[in-house]
Full PDB file with SEQRES, HELIX, SHEET, SSBOND, CRYST1, ORIGX, SCALE, CONECT and MASTER records, all heavy atoms in Angstrom:
SEQRES   1 A   33  ASP MET CYS ALA GLU THR LEU GLU MET ARG ALA TYR LEU          
SEQRES   2 A   33  VAL ALA LEU GLU ALA THR THR TYR ILE LEU ILE ALA GLY          
SEQRES   3 A   33  VAL LYS LEU ALA SER HIS ALA                                  
HELIX    1 AA1 MET A    2  GLU A    8  1                                   7    
HELIX    2 AA2 TYR A   12  HIS A   32  1                                  21    
CRYST1    1.000    1.000    1.000  90.00  90.00  90.00 P 1           1          
ORIGX1      1.000000  0.000000  0.000000        0.00000                         
ORIGX2      0.000000  1.000000  0.000000        0.00000                         
ORIGX3      0.000000  0.000000  1.000000        0.00000                         
SCALE1      1.000000  0.000000  0.000000        0.00000                         
SCALE2      0.000000  1.000000  0.000000        0.00000                         
SCALE3      0.000000  0.000000  1.000000        0.00000                         
ATOM      1  N   ASP A   1     -63.458 -33.839 -25.799  1.00  0.00           N  
ATOM      2  CA  ASP A   1     -64.387 -33.588 -26.901  1.00  0.00           C  
ATOM      3  C   ASP A   1     -63.782 -32.618 -27.909  1.00  0.00           C  
ATOM      4  O   ASP A   1     -63.923 -32.791 -29.125  1.00  0.00           O  
ATOM      5  CB  ASP A   1     -65.713 -33.032 -26.380  1.00  0.00           C  
ATOM      6  CG  ASP A   1     -66.510 -34.050 -25.591  1.00  0.00           C  
ATOM      7  OD1 ASP A   1     -66.244 -35.267 -25.734  1.00  0.00           O  
ATOM      8  OD2 ASP A   1     -67.400 -33.629 -24.821  1.00  0.00           O  
ATOM      9  N   MET A   2     -63.090 -31.602 -27.406  1.00  0.00           N  
ATOM     10  CA  MET A   2     -62.422 -30.647 -28.282  1.00  0.00           C  
ATOM     11  C   MET A   2     -61.330 -31.355 -29.093  1.00  0.00           C  
ATOM     12  O   MET A   2     -61.148 -31.085 -30.287  1.00  0.00           O  
ATOM     13  CB  MET A   2     -61.825 -29.514 -27.445  1.00  0.00           C  
ATOM     14  CG  MET A   2     -61.227 -28.400 -28.242  1.00  0.00           C  
ATOM     15  SD  MET A   2     -60.725 -26.978 -27.254  1.00  0.00           S  
ATOM     16  CE  MET A   2     -59.949 -27.697 -25.836  1.00  0.00           C  
ATOM     17  N   CYS A   3     -60.627 -32.289 -28.475  1.00  0.00           N  
ATOM     18  CA  CYS A   3     -59.595 -33.054 -29.179  1.00  0.00           C  
ATOM     19  C   CYS A   3     -60.213 -33.953 -30.255  1.00  0.00           C  
ATOM     20  O   CYS A   3     -59.631 -34.122 -31.329  1.00  0.00           O  
ATOM     21  CB  CYS A   3     -58.793 -33.895 -28.199  1.00  0.00           C  
ATOM     22  SG  CYS A   3     -57.741 -32.923 -27.119  1.00  0.00           S  
ATOM     23  N   ALA A   4     -61.378 -34.513 -29.968  1.00  0.00           N  
ATOM     24  CA  ALA A   4     -62.059 -35.339 -30.967  1.00  0.00           C  
ATOM     25  C   ALA A   4     -62.437 -34.507 -32.187  1.00  0.00           C  
ATOM     26  O   ALA A   4     -62.309 -34.966 -33.330  1.00  0.00           O  
ATOM     27  CB  ALA A   4     -63.287 -35.999 -30.356  1.00  0.00           C  
ATOM     28  N   GLU A   5     -62.875 -33.271 -31.948  1.00  0.00           N  
ATOM     29  CA  GLU A   5     -63.172 -32.372 -33.072  1.00  0.00           C  
ATOM     30  C   GLU A   5     -61.907 -32.038 -33.853  1.00  0.00           C  
ATOM     31  O   GLU A   5     -61.933 -31.931 -35.079  1.00  0.00           O  
ATOM     32  CB  GLU A   5     -63.811 -31.083 -32.563  1.00  0.00           C  
ATOM     33  CG  GLU A   5     -65.196 -31.254 -31.993  1.00  0.00           C  
ATOM     34  CD  GLU A   5     -65.731 -29.984 -31.350  1.00  0.00           C  
ATOM     35  OE1 GLU A   5     -65.071 -28.930 -31.445  1.00  0.00           O  
ATOM     36  OE2 GLU A   5     -66.805 -30.057 -30.733  1.00  0.00           O  
ATOM     37  N   THR A   6     -60.801 -31.895 -33.142  1.00  0.00           N  
ATOM     38  CA  THR A   6     -59.518 -31.614 -33.795  1.00  0.00           C  
ATOM     39  C   THR A   6     -59.095 -32.792 -34.660  1.00  0.00           C  
ATOM     40  O   THR A   6     -58.551 -32.610 -35.752  1.00  0.00           O  
ATOM     41  CB  THR A   6     -58.444 -31.299 -32.735  1.00  0.00           C  
ATOM     42  OG1 THR A   6     -58.907 -30.234 -31.910  1.00  0.00           O  
ATOM     43  CG2 THR A   6     -57.134 -30.909 -33.372  1.00  0.00           C  
ATOM     44  N   LEU A   7     -59.352 -33.997 -34.194  1.00  0.00           N  
ATOM     45  CA  LEU A   7     -59.040 -35.179 -34.991  1.00  0.00           C  
ATOM     46  C   LEU A   7     -59.867 -35.225 -36.269  1.00  0.00           C  
ATOM     47  O   LEU A   7     -59.378 -35.653 -37.316  1.00  0.00           O  
ATOM     48  CB  LEU A   7     -59.264 -36.454 -34.169  1.00  0.00           C  
ATOM     49  CG  LEU A   7     -58.184 -36.762 -33.147  1.00  0.00           C  
ATOM     50  CD1 LEU A   7     -58.667 -37.827 -32.178  1.00  0.00           C  
ATOM     51  CD2 LEU A   7     -56.899 -37.183 -33.825  1.00  0.00           C  
ATOM     52  N   GLU A   8     -61.112 -34.778 -36.186  1.00  0.00           N  
ATOM     53  CA  GLU A   8     -61.958 -34.739 -37.376  1.00  0.00           C  
ATOM     54  C   GLU A   8     -61.427 -33.753 -38.405  1.00  0.00           C  
ATOM     55  O   GLU A   8     -61.657 -33.904 -39.596  1.00  0.00           O  
ATOM     56  CB  GLU A   8     -63.396 -34.386 -36.992  1.00  0.00           C  
ATOM     57  CG  GLU A   8     -64.098 -35.485 -36.223  1.00  0.00           C  
ATOM     58  CD  GLU A   8     -65.457 -35.070 -35.706  1.00  0.00           C  
ATOM     59  OE1 GLU A   8     -65.918 -33.952 -36.046  1.00  0.00           O  
ATOM     60  OE2 GLU A   8     -66.058 -35.853 -34.962  1.00  0.00           O  
ATOM     61  N   MET A   9     -60.691 -32.732 -37.934  1.00  0.00           N  
ATOM     62  CA  MET A   9     -60.081 -31.763 -38.845  1.00  0.00           C  
ATOM     63  C   MET A   9     -58.740 -32.277 -39.383  1.00  0.00           C  
ATOM     64  O   MET A   9     -58.041 -31.563 -40.090  1.00  0.00           O  
ATOM     65  CB  MET A   9     -59.850 -30.423 -38.136  1.00  0.00           C  
ATOM     66  CG  MET A   9     -61.112 -29.736 -37.712  1.00  0.00           C  
ATOM     67  SD  MET A   9     -60.901 -28.100 -36.946  1.00  0.00           S  
ATOM     68  CE  MET A   9     -59.295 -28.097 -36.247  1.00  0.00           C  
ATOM     69  N   ARG A  10     -58.371 -33.486 -39.010  1.00  0.00           N  
ATOM     70  CA  ARG A  10     -57.138 -34.139 -39.435  1.00  0.00           C  
ATOM     71  C   ARG A  10     -55.876 -33.470 -38.886  1.00  0.00           C  
ATOM     72  O   ARG A  10     -54.812 -33.551 -39.484  1.00  0.00           O  
ATOM     73  CB  ARG A  10     -57.058 -34.260 -40.950  1.00  0.00           C  
ATOM     74  CG  ARG A  10     -58.170 -35.099 -41.522  1.00  0.00           C  
ATOM     75  CD  ARG A  10     -58.091 -35.164 -43.032  1.00  0.00           C  
ATOM     76  NE  ARG A  10     -58.714 -36.380 -43.490  1.00  0.00           N  
ATOM     77  CZ  ARG A  10     -58.051 -37.475 -43.848  1.00  0.00           C  
ATOM     78  NH1 ARG A  10     -56.765 -37.501 -43.822  1.00  0.00           N  
ATOM     79  NH2 ARG A  10     -58.715 -38.524 -44.251  1.00  0.00           N  
ATOM     80  N   ALA A  11     -55.980 -32.813 -37.765  1.00  0.00           N  
ATOM     81  CA  ALA A  11     -54.818 -32.248 -37.082  1.00  0.00           C  
ATOM     82  C   ALA A  11     -54.362 -33.266 -36.034  1.00  0.00           C  
ATOM     83  O   ALA A  11     -54.519 -33.068 -34.826  1.00  0.00           O  
ATOM     84  CB  ALA A  11     -55.163 -30.911 -36.451  1.00  0.00           C  
ATOM     85  N   TYR A  12     -53.812 -34.367 -36.521  1.00  0.00           N  
ATOM     86  CA  TYR A  12     -53.533 -35.518 -35.669  1.00  0.00           C  
ATOM     87  C   TYR A  12     -52.487 -35.243 -34.595  1.00  0.00           C  
ATOM     88  O   TYR A  12     -52.655 -35.642 -33.446  1.00  0.00           O  
ATOM     89  CB  TYR A  12     -53.101 -36.705 -36.525  1.00  0.00           C  
ATOM     90  CG  TYR A  12     -54.163 -37.187 -37.463  1.00  0.00           C  
ATOM     91  CD1 TYR A  12     -53.955 -37.187 -38.838  1.00  0.00           C  
ATOM     92  CD2 TYR A  12     -55.391 -37.621 -36.986  1.00  0.00           C  
ATOM     93  CE1 TYR A  12     -54.941 -37.626 -39.707  1.00  0.00           C  
ATOM     94  CE2 TYR A  12     -56.382 -38.058 -37.842  1.00  0.00           C  
ATOM     95  CZ  TYR A  12     -56.153 -38.066 -39.205  1.00  0.00           C  
ATOM     96  OH  TYR A  12     -57.129 -38.496 -40.055  1.00  0.00           O  
ATOM     97  N   LEU A  13     -51.398 -34.588 -34.952  1.00  0.00           N  
ATOM     98  CA  LEU A  13     -50.335 -34.382 -33.969  1.00  0.00           C  
ATOM     99  C   LEU A  13     -50.754 -33.437 -32.852  1.00  0.00           C  
ATOM    100  O   LEU A  13     -50.394 -33.652 -31.687  1.00  0.00           O  
ATOM    101  CB  LEU A  13     -49.067 -33.877 -34.657  1.00  0.00           C  
ATOM    102  CG  LEU A  13     -48.405 -34.904 -35.579  1.00  0.00           C  
ATOM    103  CD1 LEU A  13     -47.158 -34.321 -36.216  1.00  0.00           C  
ATOM    104  CD2 LEU A  13     -48.062 -36.172 -34.820  1.00  0.00           C  
ATOM    105  N   VAL A  14     -51.520 -32.421 -33.180  1.00  0.00           N  
ATOM    106  CA  VAL A  14     -52.022 -31.500 -32.158  1.00  0.00           C  
ATOM    107  C   VAL A  14     -52.951 -32.248 -31.213  1.00  0.00           C  
ATOM    108  O   VAL A  14     -52.847 -32.121 -29.983  1.00  0.00           O  
ATOM    109  CB  VAL A  14     -52.756 -30.311 -32.812  1.00  0.00           C  
ATOM    110  CG1 VAL A  14     -53.432 -29.441 -31.777  1.00  0.00           C  
ATOM    111  CG2 VAL A  14     -51.797 -29.502 -33.661  1.00  0.00           C  
ATOM    112  N   ALA A  15     -53.839 -33.038 -31.769  1.00  0.00           N  
ATOM    113  CA  ALA A  15     -54.772 -33.807 -30.941  1.00  0.00           C  
ATOM    114  C   ALA A  15     -54.040 -34.852 -30.111  1.00  0.00           C  
ATOM    115  O   ALA A  15     -54.390 -35.086 -28.943  1.00  0.00           O  
ATOM    116  CB  ALA A  15     -55.822 -34.470 -31.819  1.00  0.00           C  
ATOM    117  N   LEU A  16     -53.018 -35.470 -30.678  1.00  0.00           N  
ATOM    118  CA  LEU A  16     -52.229 -36.468 -29.953  1.00  0.00           C  
ATOM    119  C   LEU A  16     -51.531 -35.830 -28.750  1.00  0.00           C  
ATOM    120  O   LEU A  16     -51.553 -36.369 -27.649  1.00  0.00           O  
ATOM    121  CB  LEU A  16     -51.198 -37.094 -30.895  1.00  0.00           C  
ATOM    122  CG  LEU A  16     -50.299 -38.177 -30.330  1.00  0.00           C  
ATOM    123  CD1 LEU A  16     -51.118 -39.409 -29.994  1.00  0.00           C  
ATOM    124  CD2 LEU A  16     -49.203 -38.527 -31.321  1.00  0.00           C  
ATOM    125  N   GLU A  17     -50.954 -34.659 -28.965  1.00  0.00           N  
ATOM    126  CA  GLU A  17     -50.281 -33.946 -27.878  1.00  0.00           C  
ATOM    127  C   GLU A  17     -51.277 -33.552 -26.786  1.00  0.00           C  
ATOM    128  O   GLU A  17     -51.016 -33.729 -25.594  1.00  0.00           O  
ATOM    129  CB  GLU A  17     -49.582 -32.707 -28.431  1.00  0.00           C  
ATOM    130  CG  GLU A  17     -48.820 -31.924 -27.390  1.00  0.00           C  
ATOM    131  CD  GLU A  17     -48.187 -30.659 -27.945  1.00  0.00           C  
ATOM    132  OE1 GLU A  17     -48.522 -30.250 -29.070  1.00  0.00           O  
ATOM    133  OE2 GLU A  17     -47.362 -30.080 -27.219  1.00  0.00           O  
ATOM    134  N   ALA A  18     -52.415 -33.029 -27.181  1.00  0.00           N  
ATOM    135  CA  ALA A  18     -53.412 -32.572 -26.204  1.00  0.00           C  
ATOM    136  C   ALA A  18     -54.010 -33.738 -25.421  1.00  0.00           C  
ATOM    137  O   ALA A  18     -54.173 -33.646 -24.196  1.00  0.00           O  
ATOM    138  CB  ALA A  18     -54.513 -31.784 -26.908  1.00  0.00           C  
ATOM    139  N   THR A  19     -54.330 -34.830 -26.099  1.00  0.00           N  
ATOM    140  CA  THR A  19     -54.905 -35.978 -25.383  1.00  0.00           C  
ATOM    141  C   THR A  19     -53.887 -36.615 -24.453  1.00  0.00           C  
ATOM    142  O   THR A  19     -54.251 -37.069 -23.365  1.00  0.00           O  
ATOM    143  CB  THR A  19     -55.468 -37.034 -26.359  1.00  0.00           C  
ATOM    144  OG1 THR A  19     -54.455 -37.415 -27.288  1.00  0.00           O  
ATOM    145  CG2 THR A  19     -56.683 -36.520 -27.092  1.00  0.00           C  
ATOM    146  N   THR A  20     -52.629 -36.618 -24.845  1.00  0.00           N  
ATOM    147  CA  THR A  20     -51.583 -37.146 -23.960  1.00  0.00           C  
ATOM    148  C   THR A  20     -51.446 -36.272 -22.720  1.00  0.00           C  
ATOM    149  O   THR A  20     -51.296 -36.783 -21.604  1.00  0.00           O  
ATOM    150  CB  THR A  20     -50.248 -37.252 -24.707  1.00  0.00           C  
ATOM    151  OG1 THR A  20     -50.432 -38.092 -25.853  1.00  0.00           O  
ATOM    152  CG2 THR A  20     -49.168 -37.846 -23.826  1.00  0.00           C  
ATOM    153  N   TYR A  21     -51.530 -34.968 -22.900  1.00  0.00           N  
ATOM    154  CA  TYR A  21     -51.486 -34.055 -21.757  1.00  0.00           C  
ATOM    155  C   TYR A  21     -52.660 -34.327 -20.811  1.00  0.00           C  
ATOM    156  O   TYR A  21     -52.489 -34.326 -19.587  1.00  0.00           O  
ATOM    157  CB  TYR A  21     -51.501 -32.602 -22.227  1.00  0.00           C  
ATOM    158  CG  TYR A  21     -51.427 -31.625 -21.088  1.00  0.00           C  
ATOM    159  CD1 TYR A  21     -50.199 -31.268 -20.539  1.00  0.00           C  
ATOM    160  CD2 TYR A  21     -52.580 -31.087 -20.530  1.00  0.00           C  
ATOM    161  CE1 TYR A  21     -50.125 -30.387 -19.474  1.00  0.00           C  
ATOM    162  CE2 TYR A  21     -52.506 -30.208 -19.460  1.00  0.00           C  
ATOM    163  CZ  TYR A  21     -51.278 -29.862 -18.941  1.00  0.00           C  
ATOM    164  OH  TYR A  21     -51.211 -29.009 -17.873  1.00  0.00           O  
ATOM    165  N   ILE A  22     -53.835 -34.554 -21.364  1.00  0.00           N  
ATOM    166  CA  ILE A  22     -55.016 -34.842 -20.542  1.00  0.00           C  
ATOM    167  C   ILE A  22     -54.825 -36.132 -19.752  1.00  0.00           C  
ATOM    168  O   ILE A  22     -55.162 -36.205 -18.563  1.00  0.00           O  
ATOM    169  CB  ILE A  22     -56.288 -34.901 -21.418  1.00  0.00           C  
ATOM    170  CG1 ILE A  22     -56.576 -33.523 -22.020  1.00  0.00           C  
ATOM    171  CG2 ILE A  22     -57.487 -35.406 -20.620  1.00  0.00           C  
ATOM    172  CD1 ILE A  22     -57.602 -33.536 -23.131  1.00  0.00           C  
ATOM    173  N   LEU A  23     -54.260 -37.152 -20.395  1.00  0.00           N  
ATOM    174  CA  LEU A  23     -54.008 -38.413 -19.693  1.00  0.00           C  
ATOM    175  C   LEU A  23     -53.033 -38.205 -18.540  1.00  0.00           C  
ATOM    176  O   LEU A  23     -53.273 -38.689 -17.426  1.00  0.00           O  
ATOM    177  CB  LEU A  23     -53.459 -39.470 -20.654  1.00  0.00           C  
ATOM    178  CG  LEU A  23     -53.048 -40.783 -19.986  1.00  0.00           C  
ATOM    179  CD1 LEU A  23     -54.273 -41.519 -19.456  1.00  0.00           C  
ATOM    180  CD2 LEU A  23     -52.269 -41.654 -20.938  1.00  0.00           C  
ATOM    181  N   ILE A  24     -51.946 -37.503 -18.791  1.00  0.00           N  
ATOM    182  CA  ILE A  24     -50.956 -37.266 -17.736  1.00  0.00           C  
ATOM    183  C   ILE A  24     -51.580 -36.483 -16.585  1.00  0.00           C  
ATOM    184  O   ILE A  24     -51.357 -36.802 -15.407  1.00  0.00           O  
ATOM    185  CB  ILE A  24     -49.720 -36.548 -18.314  1.00  0.00           C  
ATOM    186  CG1 ILE A  24     -48.964 -37.504 -19.244  1.00  0.00           C  
ATOM    187  CG2 ILE A  24     -48.804 -36.044 -17.201  1.00  0.00           C  
ATOM    188  CD1 ILE A  24     -47.896 -36.836 -20.081  1.00  0.00           C  
ATOM    189  N   ALA A  25     -52.376 -35.465 -16.900  1.00  0.00           N  
ATOM    190  CA  ALA A  25     -53.051 -34.696 -15.853  1.00  0.00           C  
ATOM    191  C   ALA A  25     -54.000 -35.587 -15.059  1.00  0.00           C  
ATOM    192  O   ALA A  25     -54.106 -35.457 -13.825  1.00  0.00           O  
ATOM    193  CB  ALA A  25     -53.809 -33.522 -16.470  1.00  0.00           C  
ATOM    194  N   GLY A  26     -54.682 -36.498 -15.733  1.00  0.00           N  
ATOM    195  CA  GLY A  26     -55.593 -37.415 -15.049  1.00  0.00           C  
ATOM    196  C   GLY A  26     -54.870 -38.380 -14.129  1.00  0.00           C  
ATOM    197  O   GLY A  26     -55.319 -38.643 -13.003  1.00  0.00           O  
ATOM    198  N   VAL A  27     -53.729 -38.883 -14.571  1.00  0.00           N  
ATOM    199  CA  VAL A  27     -52.947 -39.806 -13.738  1.00  0.00           C  
ATOM    200  C   VAL A  27     -52.389 -39.075 -12.520  1.00  0.00           C  
ATOM    201  O   VAL A  27     -52.405 -39.600 -11.404  1.00  0.00           O  
ATOM    202  CB  VAL A  27     -51.827 -40.468 -14.571  1.00  0.00           C  
ATOM    203  CG1 VAL A  27     -50.874 -41.251 -13.690  1.00  0.00           C  
ATOM    204  CG2 VAL A  27     -52.443 -41.381 -15.633  1.00  0.00           C  
ATOM    205  N   LYS A  28     -51.922 -37.844 -12.721  1.00  0.00           N  
ATOM    206  CA  LYS A  28     -51.451 -37.048 -11.579  1.00  0.00           C  
ATOM    207  C   LYS A  28     -52.593 -36.781 -10.610  1.00  0.00           C  
ATOM    208  O   LYS A  28     -52.411 -36.830  -9.391  1.00  0.00           O  
ATOM    209  CB  LYS A  28     -50.859 -35.723 -12.054  1.00  0.00           C  
ATOM    210  CG  LYS A  28     -49.511 -35.852 -12.707  1.00  0.00           C  
ATOM    211  CD  LYS A  28     -49.004 -34.491 -13.146  1.00  0.00           C  
ATOM    212  CE  LYS A  28     -47.685 -34.578 -13.860  1.00  0.00           C  
ATOM    213  NZ  LYS A  28     -47.222 -33.256 -14.335  1.00  0.00           N  
ATOM    214  N   LEU A  29     -53.769 -36.505 -11.153  1.00  0.00           N  
ATOM    215  CA  LEU A  29     -54.930 -36.251 -10.313  1.00  0.00           C  
ATOM    216  C   LEU A  29     -55.294 -37.491  -9.495  1.00  0.00           C  
ATOM    217  O   LEU A  29     -55.672 -37.381  -8.328  1.00  0.00           O  
ATOM    218  CB  LEU A  29     -56.113 -35.827 -11.192  1.00  0.00           C  
ATOM    219  CG  LEU A  29     -57.364 -35.325 -10.509  1.00  0.00           C  
ATOM    220  CD1 LEU A  29     -57.073 -34.047  -9.739  1.00  0.00           C  
ATOM    221  CD2 LEU A  29     -58.465 -35.086 -11.530  1.00  0.00           C  
ATOM    222  N   ALA A  30     -55.159 -38.652 -10.090  1.00  0.00           N  
ATOM    223  CA  ALA A  30     -55.486 -39.899  -9.387  1.00  0.00           C  
ATOM    224  C   ALA A  30     -54.582 -40.122  -8.178  1.00  0.00           C  
ATOM    225  O   ALA A  30     -54.990 -40.791  -7.227  1.00  0.00           O  
ATOM    226  CB  ALA A  30     -55.378 -41.078 -10.348  1.00  0.00           C  
ATOM    227  N   SER A  31     -53.391 -39.545  -8.206  1.00  0.00           N  
ATOM    228  CA  SER A  31     -52.458 -39.777  -7.102  1.00  0.00           C  
ATOM    229  C   SER A  31     -52.794 -38.976  -5.839  1.00  0.00           C  
ATOM    230  O   SER A  31     -52.322 -39.320  -4.766  1.00  0.00           O  
ATOM    231  CB  SER A  31     -51.024 -39.467  -7.548  1.00  0.00           C  
ATOM    232  OG  SER A  31     -50.859 -38.080  -7.743  1.00  0.00           O  
ATOM    233  N   HIS A  32     -53.597 -37.908  -5.981  1.00  0.00           N  
ATOM    234  CA  HIS A  32     -53.874 -37.113  -4.784  1.00  0.00           C  
ATOM    235  C   HIS A  32     -55.316 -36.650  -4.628  1.00  0.00           C  
ATOM    236  O   HIS A  32     -55.620 -35.937  -3.685  1.00  0.00           O  
ATOM    237  CB  HIS A  32     -52.935 -35.893  -4.731  1.00  0.00           C  
ATOM    238  CG  HIS A  32     -53.127 -34.919  -5.836  1.00  0.00           C  
ATOM    239  ND1 HIS A  32     -52.501 -35.048  -7.043  1.00  0.00           N  
ATOM    240  CD2 HIS A  32     -53.881 -33.797  -5.923  1.00  0.00           C  
ATOM    241  CE1 HIS A  32     -52.848 -34.040  -7.822  1.00  0.00           C  
ATOM    242  NE2 HIS A  32     -53.688 -33.271  -7.168  1.00  0.00           N  
ATOM    243  N   ALA A  33     -56.195 -37.042  -5.502  1.00  0.00           N  
ATOM    244  CA  ALA A  33     -57.599 -36.635  -5.394  1.00  0.00           C  
ATOM    245  C   ALA A  33     -58.468 -37.835  -5.032  1.00  0.00           C  
ATOM    246  O   ALA A  33     -58.102 -38.979  -5.284  1.00  0.00           O  
ATOM    247  CB  ALA A  33     -58.074 -36.026  -6.715  1.00  0.00           C  
TER     248      ALA A  33                                                      
MASTER        0    0    0    2    0    0    0    6  247    1    0    3          
END                                                                             
């Protein structure tokens, strides 16, 4: 949600980096949770 707000501020690269980090953390979590 915070990344979506960042996208509304047109800070695309920051939001892209943060959402990618969230995806990677989620995939890692899926492997052991």
